[in-house]
């Protein structure tokens, strides 16, 4: 397994800008914008890392599958974050849904990485 440092830093920058955007756009007057920014930024960074920085040595098939999976989950998490920015919500469903999506992504990516 290899990580490309340059694309990893670019993914970090994109995730930080996205997190700031989620913080600014969210109109709730509690700690929810901060949670949305932290959760969204972390989720975007994890999926973007898989999409642009991750590669498996001597194996093009699983690397391609993980990149496609990462792109799909990135879009899903982006849509989820936008919905939670627009709709007033409690923090518990947000944590559960975001955590579930990230754990599902991790489980599927791990299964794909074990393919030969």
N, C-alpha and C. Protein backbone atom coordinates (compact mmCIF):
# COMPACT_ATOMS: atom_id res chain seq x y z
N UNK A 1 0.84 -1.17 0.00
CA UNK A 1 0.00 0.00 0.00
C UNK A 1 0.89 1.24 0.00
N UNK A 2 0.54 2.19 -0.85
CA UNK A 2 1.30 3.43 -0.94
C UNK A 2 0.37 4.62 -0.90
N UNK A 3 0.86 5.72 -0.36
CA UNK A 3 0.13 6.98 -0.38
C UNK A 3 1.01 8.01 -1.09
N UNK A 4 0.45 8.71 -2.04
CA UNK A 4 1.15 9.78 -2.73
C UNK A 4 1.01 11.04 -1.87
N UNK A 5 2.12 11.57 -1.39
CA UNK A 5 2.11 12.69 -0.45
C UNK A 5 1.53 13.96 -1.07
N UNK A 6 1.86 14.25 -2.32
CA UNK A 6 1.38 15.47 -2.96
C UNK A 6 -0.14 15.45 -3.08
N UNK A 7 -0.70 14.36 -3.57
CA UNK A 7 -2.15 14.29 -3.70
C UNK A 7 -2.82 14.19 -2.33
N UNK A 8 -2.12 13.63 -1.35
CA UNK A 8 -2.65 13.59 0.01
C UNK A 8 -2.79 15.01 0.58
N UNK A 9 -1.82 15.85 0.34
CA UNK A 9 -1.88 17.24 0.80
C UNK A 9 -2.97 18.02 0.06
N UNK A 10 -3.13 17.75 -1.22
CA UNK A 10 -4.20 18.40 -1.98
C UNK A 10 -5.56 17.95 -1.45
N UNK A 11 -5.71 16.66 -1.15
CA UNK A 11 -6.96 16.15 -0.58
C UNK A 11 -7.22 16.81 0.78
N UNK A 12 -6.17 17.01 1.58
CA UNK A 12 -6.33 17.67 2.87
C UNK A 12 -6.81 19.11 2.68
N UNK A 13 -6.23 19.81 1.71
CA UNK A 13 -6.66 21.19 1.44
C UNK A 13 -8.11 21.26 0.99
N UNK A 14 -8.52 20.37 0.11
CA UNK A 14 -9.90 20.34 -0.35
C UNK A 14 -10.84 20.04 0.81
N UNK A 15 -10.47 19.08 1.65
CA UNK A 15 -11.30 18.73 2.80
C UNK A 15 -11.41 19.89 3.79
N UNK A 16 -10.32 20.60 4.02
CA UNK A 16 -10.37 21.75 4.93
C UNK A 16 -11.24 22.87 4.38
N UNK A 17 -11.14 23.12 3.09
CA UNK A 17 -12.01 24.14 2.48
C UNK A 17 -13.47 23.72 2.53
N UNK A 18 -13.71 22.44 2.31
CA UNK A 18 -15.08 21.93 2.42
C UNK A 18 -15.61 22.05 3.83
N UNK A 19 -14.77 21.73 4.82
CA UNK A 19 -15.19 21.84 6.22
C UNK A 19 -15.51 23.28 6.58
N UNK A 20 -14.69 24.21 6.12
CA UNK A 20 -14.97 25.63 6.38
C UNK A 20 -16.27 26.06 5.72
N UNK A 21 -16.51 25.56 4.52
CA UNK A 21 -17.76 25.87 3.81
C UNK A 21 -18.96 25.35 4.59
N UNK A 22 -18.87 24.12 5.10
CA UNK A 22 -19.96 23.57 5.90
C UNK A 22 -20.20 24.40 7.15
N UNK A 23 -19.14 24.91 7.75
CA UNK A 23 -19.27 25.73 8.95
C UNK A 23 -19.96 27.06 8.63
N UNK A 24 -19.58 27.68 7.53
CA UNK A 24 -20.11 28.99 7.18
C UNK A 24 -21.57 28.89 6.70
N UNK A 25 -21.87 27.88 5.93
CA UNK A 25 -23.20 27.75 5.34
C UNK A 25 -24.25 27.34 6.37
N UNK A 26 -23.86 26.56 7.36
CA UNK A 26 -24.81 26.08 8.36
C UNK A 26 -25.33 27.25 9.18
N UNK A 27 -26.66 27.33 9.33
CA UNK A 27 -27.28 28.48 9.99
C UNK A 27 -27.74 28.19 11.41
N UNK A 28 -27.47 27.01 11.94
CA UNK A 28 -27.89 26.70 13.31
C UNK A 28 -27.12 27.56 14.30
N UNK A 29 -27.74 27.83 15.45
CA UNK A 29 -27.12 28.71 16.43
C UNK A 29 -26.58 27.93 17.63
N UNK A 30 -26.23 26.69 17.42
CA UNK A 30 -25.65 25.87 18.49
C UNK A 30 -24.28 25.38 18.05
N UNK A 31 -23.82 24.30 18.65
CA UNK A 31 -22.52 23.74 18.27
C UNK A 31 -22.62 22.85 17.03
N UNK A 32 -23.77 22.75 16.43
CA UNK A 32 -23.96 21.87 15.28
C UNK A 32 -23.11 22.29 14.08
N UNK A 33 -22.96 23.59 13.76
CA UNK A 33 -22.07 23.93 12.64
C UNK A 33 -20.64 23.44 12.84
N UNK A 34 -20.14 23.49 14.06
CA UNK A 34 -18.79 23.01 14.33
C UNK A 34 -18.71 21.50 14.14
N UNK A 35 -19.71 20.78 14.63
CA UNK A 35 -19.73 19.33 14.44
C UNK A 35 -19.86 18.97 12.96
N UNK A 36 -20.66 19.72 12.24
CA UNK A 36 -20.82 19.49 10.80
C UNK A 36 -19.51 19.76 10.07
N UNK A 37 -18.79 20.78 10.48
CA UNK A 37 -17.51 21.08 9.84
C UNK A 37 -16.46 20.01 10.14
N UNK A 38 -16.37 19.61 11.39
CA UNK A 38 -15.36 18.60 11.76
C UNK A 38 -15.70 17.25 11.13
N UNK A 39 -16.94 16.81 11.28
CA UNK A 39 -17.35 15.52 10.71
C UNK A 39 -17.27 15.50 9.20
N UNK A 40 -17.74 16.56 8.57
CA UNK A 40 -17.69 16.63 7.11
C UNK A 40 -16.28 16.70 6.57
N UNK A 41 -15.43 17.50 7.22
CA UNK A 41 -14.04 17.60 6.78
C UNK A 41 -13.29 16.30 6.92
N UNK A 42 -13.50 15.62 8.04
CA UNK A 42 -12.84 14.33 8.27
C UNK A 42 -13.33 13.28 7.27
N UNK A 43 -14.64 13.22 7.09
CA UNK A 43 -15.20 12.25 6.14
C UNK A 43 -14.74 12.52 4.72
N UNK A 44 -14.71 13.78 4.33
CA UNK A 44 -14.24 14.12 2.99
C UNK A 44 -12.77 13.78 2.82
N UNK A 45 -11.96 14.03 3.84
CA UNK A 45 -10.54 13.73 3.75
C UNK A 45 -10.29 12.23 3.61
N UNK A 46 -11.00 11.44 4.38
CA UNK A 46 -10.81 9.99 4.32
C UNK A 46 -11.17 9.45 2.95
N UNK A 47 -12.31 9.88 2.41
CA UNK A 47 -12.73 9.36 1.10
C UNK A 47 -11.87 9.92 -0.03
N UNK A 48 -11.48 11.18 0.07
CA UNK A 48 -10.61 11.75 -0.97
C UNK A 48 -9.23 11.10 -0.97
N UNK A 49 -8.74 10.73 0.20
CA UNK A 49 -7.46 10.04 0.27
C UNK A 49 -7.53 8.72 -0.49
N UNK A 50 -8.62 7.99 -0.30
CA UNK A 50 -8.79 6.74 -1.04
C UNK A 50 -8.95 6.97 -2.53
N UNK A 51 -9.55 8.09 -2.90
CA UNK A 51 -9.82 8.35 -4.32
C UNK A 51 -8.58 8.81 -5.09
N UNK A 52 -7.73 9.61 -4.46
CA UNK A 52 -6.62 10.20 -5.22
C UNK A 52 -5.22 9.81 -4.74
N UNK A 53 -5.06 9.34 -3.51
CA UNK A 53 -3.73 9.11 -2.98
C UNK A 53 -3.37 7.65 -2.77
N UNK A 54 -4.34 6.80 -2.70
CA UNK A 54 -4.14 5.42 -2.30
C UNK A 54 -3.82 4.55 -3.51
N UNK A 55 -2.84 3.66 -3.36
CA UNK A 55 -2.57 2.67 -4.39
C UNK A 55 -1.98 1.43 -3.74
N UNK A 56 -2.24 0.29 -4.36
CA UNK A 56 -1.71 -0.98 -3.88
C UNK A 56 -0.61 -1.41 -4.83
N UNK A 57 0.54 -1.77 -4.30
CA UNK A 57 1.67 -2.16 -5.13
C UNK A 57 1.33 -3.38 -5.98
N UNK A 58 1.77 -3.36 -7.21
CA UNK A 58 1.65 -4.49 -8.15
C UNK A 58 0.22 -4.98 -8.31
N UNK A 59 -0.75 -4.09 -8.18
CA UNK A 59 -2.14 -4.51 -8.32
C UNK A 59 -2.98 -3.34 -8.81
N UNK A 60 -3.32 -3.36 -10.10
CA UNK A 60 -4.09 -2.26 -10.66
C UNK A 60 -5.58 -2.43 -10.44
N UNK A 61 -6.10 -3.67 -10.40
CA UNK A 61 -7.53 -3.91 -10.24
C UNK A 61 -8.08 -3.40 -8.92
N UNK A 62 -7.57 -3.88 -7.78
CA UNK A 62 -8.08 -3.38 -6.49
C UNK A 62 -7.88 -1.87 -6.30
N UNK A 63 -6.80 -1.33 -6.81
CA UNK A 63 -6.58 0.12 -6.69
C UNK A 63 -7.68 0.87 -7.43
N UNK A 64 -8.01 0.42 -8.63
CA UNK A 64 -9.08 1.07 -9.40
C UNK A 64 -10.42 0.94 -8.68
N UNK A 65 -10.71 -0.24 -8.15
CA UNK A 65 -11.98 -0.46 -7.45
C UNK A 65 -12.08 0.41 -6.19
N UNK A 66 -10.99 0.56 -5.47
CA UNK A 66 -11.01 1.40 -4.27
C UNK A 66 -11.19 2.87 -4.66
N UNK A 67 -10.59 3.29 -5.75
CA UNK A 67 -10.76 4.68 -6.19
C UNK A 67 -12.20 4.95 -6.61
N UNK A 68 -12.82 4.01 -7.31
CA UNK A 68 -14.22 4.17 -7.69
C UNK A 68 -15.11 4.19 -6.45
N UNK A 69 -14.87 3.26 -5.54
CA UNK A 69 -15.63 3.21 -4.28
C UNK A 69 -15.46 4.52 -3.51
N UNK A 70 -14.26 5.03 -3.44
CA UNK A 70 -13.99 6.27 -2.72
C UNK A 70 -14.73 7.44 -3.34
N UNK A 71 -14.74 7.50 -4.66
CA UNK A 71 -15.45 8.59 -5.34
C UNK A 71 -16.96 8.50 -5.06
N UNK A 72 -17.51 7.30 -5.07
CA UNK A 72 -18.94 7.12 -4.79
C UNK A 72 -19.25 7.57 -3.37
N UNK A 73 -18.45 7.15 -2.40
CA UNK A 73 -18.70 7.53 -1.02
C UNK A 73 -18.42 9.01 -0.79
N UNK A 74 -17.48 9.60 -1.51
CA UNK A 74 -17.24 11.03 -1.41
C UNK A 74 -18.48 11.81 -1.81
N UNK A 75 -19.08 11.42 -2.93
CA UNK A 75 -20.31 12.09 -3.38
C UNK A 75 -21.43 11.88 -2.38
N UNK A 76 -21.57 10.66 -1.86
CA UNK A 76 -22.62 10.37 -0.87
C UNK A 76 -22.44 11.22 0.39
N UNK A 77 -21.22 11.33 0.87
CA UNK A 77 -20.95 12.12 2.07
C UNK A 77 -21.14 13.60 1.79
N UNK A 78 -20.76 14.06 0.61
CA UNK A 78 -20.97 15.45 0.25
C UNK A 78 -22.45 15.79 0.23
N UNK A 79 -23.27 14.92 -0.36
CA UNK A 79 -24.72 15.13 -0.37
C UNK A 79 -25.27 15.14 1.05
N UNK A 80 -24.82 14.20 1.86
CA UNK A 80 -25.27 14.14 3.26
C UNK A 80 -24.91 15.42 4.00
N UNK A 81 -23.72 15.94 3.81
CA UNK A 81 -23.29 17.15 4.50
C UNK A 81 -24.12 18.36 4.06
N UNK A 82 -24.39 18.44 2.78
CA UNK A 82 -25.20 19.56 2.27
C UNK A 82 -26.61 19.49 2.87
N UNK A 83 -27.18 18.30 2.93
CA UNK A 83 -28.51 18.15 3.53
C UNK A 83 -28.48 18.58 4.99
N UNK A 84 -27.46 18.17 5.73
CA UNK A 84 -27.39 18.54 7.14
C UNK A 84 -27.06 20.02 7.33
N UNK A 85 -26.50 20.68 6.32
CA UNK A 85 -26.30 22.13 6.41
C UNK A 85 -27.61 22.87 6.23
N UNK A 86 -28.49 22.34 5.40
CA UNK A 86 -29.74 23.01 5.09
C UNK A 86 -30.81 22.75 6.15
N UNK A 87 -30.91 21.50 6.60
CA UNK A 87 -31.98 21.07 7.51
C UNK A 87 -31.52 21.21 8.96
N UNK A 88 -32.42 21.69 9.81
CA UNK A 88 -32.13 21.72 11.25
C UNK A 88 -32.20 20.30 11.79
N UNK A 89 -31.21 19.91 12.57
CA UNK A 89 -31.12 18.52 13.02
C UNK A 89 -30.50 18.45 14.41
N UNK A 90 -30.68 17.30 15.03
CA UNK A 90 -29.98 17.00 16.28
C UNK A 90 -28.64 16.38 15.94
N UNK A 91 -27.74 16.42 16.89
CA UNK A 91 -26.39 15.93 16.65
C UNK A 91 -26.33 14.40 16.58
N UNK A 92 -27.21 13.70 17.29
CA UNK A 92 -27.14 12.24 17.36
C UNK A 92 -27.34 11.58 15.99
N UNK A 93 -28.39 11.93 15.23
CA UNK A 93 -28.53 11.29 13.90
C UNK A 93 -27.36 11.61 12.97
N UNK A 94 -26.81 12.81 13.10
CA UNK A 94 -25.68 13.19 12.27
C UNK A 94 -24.47 12.28 12.54
N UNK A 95 -24.17 12.07 13.80
CA UNK A 95 -23.03 11.23 14.17
C UNK A 95 -23.27 9.79 13.72
N UNK A 96 -24.49 9.30 13.91
CA UNK A 96 -24.80 7.92 13.54
C UNK A 96 -24.68 7.72 12.02
N UNK A 97 -25.26 8.61 11.24
CA UNK A 97 -25.25 8.46 9.78
C UNK A 97 -23.84 8.62 9.23
N UNK A 98 -23.13 9.64 9.68
CA UNK A 98 -21.76 9.84 9.20
C UNK A 98 -20.85 8.68 9.60
N UNK A 99 -20.97 8.24 10.84
CA UNK A 99 -20.16 7.10 11.29
C UNK A 99 -20.48 5.83 10.53
N UNK A 100 -21.76 5.60 10.28
CA UNK A 100 -22.16 4.41 9.52
C UNK A 100 -21.59 4.45 8.11
N UNK A 101 -21.68 5.59 7.44
CA UNK A 101 -21.14 5.70 6.08
C UNK A 101 -19.63 5.47 6.07
N UNK A 102 -18.91 6.04 7.03
CA UNK A 102 -17.46 5.87 7.06
C UNK A 102 -17.06 4.44 7.38
N UNK A 103 -17.76 3.80 8.31
CA UNK A 103 -17.44 2.41 8.64
C UNK A 103 -17.78 1.47 7.49
N UNK A 104 -18.88 1.73 6.81
CA UNK A 104 -19.23 0.92 5.64
C UNK A 104 -18.19 1.08 4.54
N UNK A 105 -17.76 2.31 4.31
CA UNK A 105 -16.70 2.58 3.33
C UNK A 105 -15.42 1.82 3.70
N UNK A 106 -15.03 1.90 4.96
CA UNK A 106 -13.81 1.24 5.42
C UNK A 106 -13.91 -0.28 5.26
N UNK A 107 -15.04 -0.84 5.60
CA UNK A 107 -15.24 -2.28 5.49
C UNK A 107 -15.15 -2.74 4.04
N UNK A 108 -15.81 -2.05 3.13
CA UNK A 108 -15.79 -2.44 1.72
C UNK A 108 -14.39 -2.24 1.14
N UNK A 109 -13.73 -1.11 1.47
CA UNK A 109 -12.38 -0.86 0.96
C UNK A 109 -11.39 -1.92 1.47
N UNK A 110 -11.54 -2.34 2.71
CA UNK A 110 -10.67 -3.38 3.24
C UNK A 110 -10.89 -4.68 2.49
N UNK A 111 -12.14 -5.02 2.24
CA UNK A 111 -12.43 -6.24 1.47
C UNK A 111 -11.85 -6.19 0.07
N UNK A 112 -11.94 -5.05 -0.57
CA UNK A 112 -11.38 -4.90 -1.91
C UNK A 112 -9.86 -4.99 -1.87
N UNK A 113 -9.24 -4.41 -0.85
CA UNK A 113 -7.77 -4.43 -0.78
C UNK A 113 -7.22 -5.85 -0.58
N UNK A 114 -8.02 -6.75 -0.06
CA UNK A 114 -7.59 -8.13 0.15
C UNK A 114 -7.71 -8.98 -1.11
N UNK A 115 -8.35 -8.44 -2.17
CA UNK A 115 -8.47 -9.18 -3.43
C UNK A 115 -7.10 -9.29 -4.08
N UNK A 116 -6.91 -10.35 -4.84
CA UNK A 116 -5.64 -10.50 -5.55
C UNK A 116 -5.90 -10.65 -7.01
